[in-house]
């Protein structure tokens, strides 16, 4: 399984910072274009045969990072390196799991926003 980071709505220096950290840690980077926001998230990392679960909007309105295939140590290294590179980090981050891999980007984005607001 490849270690991958999916980028949604990242541009400019922030995108370059994420890409630099991924290169440093030998992680594959996939910039997800808007026309793929309605696809099952798992299909974006190469998982075949997924059906899109209901409830998605396909509208990930802001920046988001999704991690796939990273161990907890890999994730910790990414986050530590990313904090060193980026003073204003992307707020919405998630790990692709069996639970959310059939969701579209909009559904995950909305769920992460909801959780972030609940946490405060």
Protein backbone atom coordinates (compact mmCIF):
# COMPACT_ATOMS: atom_id res chain seq x y z
CA UNK A 1 0.00 0.00 0.00
CA UNK A 2 1.40 3.38 -1.02
CA UNK A 3 1.64 6.11 1.56
CA UNK A 4 -0.42 8.94 0.12
CA UNK A 5 -1.66 12.41 0.94
CA UNK A 6 -4.65 13.84 -0.93
CA UNK A 7 -4.81 17.63 -1.24
CA UNK A 8 -8.11 19.44 -1.70
CA UNK A 9 -8.26 23.16 -2.53
CA UNK A 10 -4.61 23.88 -1.69
CA UNK A 11 -2.78 26.43 -3.80
CA UNK A 12 0.31 28.57 -3.76
CA UNK A 13 2.78 28.45 -0.92
CA UNK A 14 0.60 26.28 1.32
CA UNK A 15 0.46 23.60 -1.38
CA UNK A 16 4.21 23.89 -1.92
CA UNK A 17 4.80 23.45 1.82
CA UNK A 18 2.72 20.26 1.95
CA UNK A 19 4.44 18.91 -1.15
CA UNK A 20 7.88 19.66 0.35
CA UNK A 21 7.05 17.78 3.56
CA UNK A 22 5.71 14.83 1.55
CA UNK A 23 8.89 14.68 -0.57
CA UNK A 24 11.01 14.80 2.58
CA UNK A 25 9.05 11.85 4.03
CA UNK A 26 8.70 9.92 0.72
CA UNK A 27 4.91 10.25 0.63
CA UNK A 28 2.98 10.34 -2.65
CA UNK A 29 1.01 13.54 -3.19
CA UNK A 30 -2.23 13.67 -5.15
CA UNK A 31 -3.78 17.04 -5.88
CA UNK A 32 -7.48 16.26 -6.25
CA UNK A 33 -9.17 18.37 -8.90
CA UNK A 34 -12.71 19.61 -8.33
CA UNK A 35 -14.18 17.26 -10.96
CA UNK A 36 -13.18 14.31 -8.74
CA UNK A 37 -14.74 15.66 -5.52
CA UNK A 38 -17.87 13.53 -6.14
CA UNK A 39 -15.90 10.28 -6.43
CA UNK A 40 -15.60 7.82 -3.55
CA UNK A 41 -12.53 8.88 -1.59
CA UNK A 42 -11.11 5.37 -1.70
CA UNK A 43 -11.12 5.41 -5.49
CA UNK A 44 -8.83 8.45 -5.36
CA UNK A 45 -6.11 6.29 -3.76
CA UNK A 46 -6.65 3.39 -6.15
CA UNK A 47 -9.19 1.23 -4.33
CA UNK A 48 -11.48 -0.32 -6.92
CA UNK A 49 -15.09 -1.40 -6.74
CA UNK A 50 -16.36 1.21 -4.29
CA UNK A 51 -19.87 2.55 -4.54
CA UNK A 52 -20.53 6.09 -3.44
CA UNK A 53 -22.51 6.13 -0.20
CA UNK A 54 -25.51 8.46 -0.01
CA UNK A 55 -25.38 11.80 1.71
CA UNK A 56 -22.53 13.48 -0.10
CA UNK A 57 -22.56 16.85 -1.76
CA UNK A 58 -19.30 16.70 -3.67
CA UNK A 59 -18.65 20.21 -2.39
CA UNK A 60 -15.48 20.43 -0.33
CA UNK A 61 -15.57 24.20 0.04
CA UNK A 62 -12.20 24.68 1.73
CA UNK A 63 -8.79 23.17 2.24
CA UNK A 64 -8.49 19.58 3.39
CA UNK A 65 -5.81 16.89 3.64
CA UNK A 66 -6.55 13.16 3.63
CA UNK A 67 -3.93 10.58 4.60
CA UNK A 68 -3.87 6.99 3.39
CA UNK A 69 -1.48 4.16 4.20
CA UNK A 70 0.48 6.07 6.85
CA UNK A 71 1.35 4.49 10.17
CA UNK A 72 0.78 6.53 13.30
CA UNK A 73 4.54 7.24 13.36
CA UNK A 74 4.41 8.43 9.73
CA UNK A 75 1.49 10.69 10.57
CA UNK A 76 3.29 12.10 13.61
CA UNK A 77 6.40 12.81 11.47
CA UNK A 78 4.26 14.50 8.82
CA UNK A 79 2.48 16.72 11.34
CA UNK A 80 5.71 17.66 13.09
CA UNK A 81 7.46 18.53 9.82
CA UNK A 82 4.40 20.35 8.55
CA UNK A 83 4.21 22.54 11.65
CA UNK A 84 7.83 23.52 11.01
CA UNK A 85 7.05 24.48 7.37
CA UNK A 86 3.64 26.11 7.70
CA UNK A 87 2.72 28.78 10.23
CA UNK A 88 -0.97 28.64 9.29
CA UNK A 89 -1.67 24.91 8.76
CA UNK A 90 -4.65 23.37 7.01
CA UNK A 91 -7.27 22.87 9.72
CA UNK A 92 -9.18 19.93 8.21
CA UNK A 93 -7.24 16.68 8.14
CA UNK A 94 -8.44 13.09 8.14
CA UNK A 95 -7.24 9.54 7.71
CA UNK A 96 -8.96 7.46 5.06
CA UNK A 97 -10.65 4.55 6.84
CA UNK A 98 -12.99 1.70 5.86
CA UNK A 99 -15.77 3.84 7.36
CA UNK A 100 -15.23 6.91 5.15
CA UNK A 101 -13.65 5.52 1.97
CA UNK A 102 -17.01 5.37 0.16
CA UNK A 103 -17.82 8.99 1.05
CA UNK A 104 -17.24 11.85 -1.35
CA UNK A 105 -15.06 14.85 -0.50
CA UNK A 106 -18.05 17.02 0.40
CA UNK A 107 -19.40 14.60 2.97
CA UNK A 108 -16.03 14.23 4.70
CA UNK A 109 -15.44 17.99 4.57
CA UNK A 110 -18.82 18.66 6.19
CA UNK A 111 -18.18 16.04 8.89
CA UNK A 112 -14.75 17.49 9.70
CA UNK A 113 -16.17 21.03 9.86
CA UNK A 114 -18.91 19.83 12.20
CA UNK A 115 -16.38 18.10 14.48
CA UNK A 116 -14.10 21.15 14.47
CA UNK A 117 -16.98 23.42 15.53
CA UNK A 118 -18.04 21.01 18.29
CA UNK A 119 -14.52 20.88 19.67
CA UNK A 120 -14.31 24.65 19.55
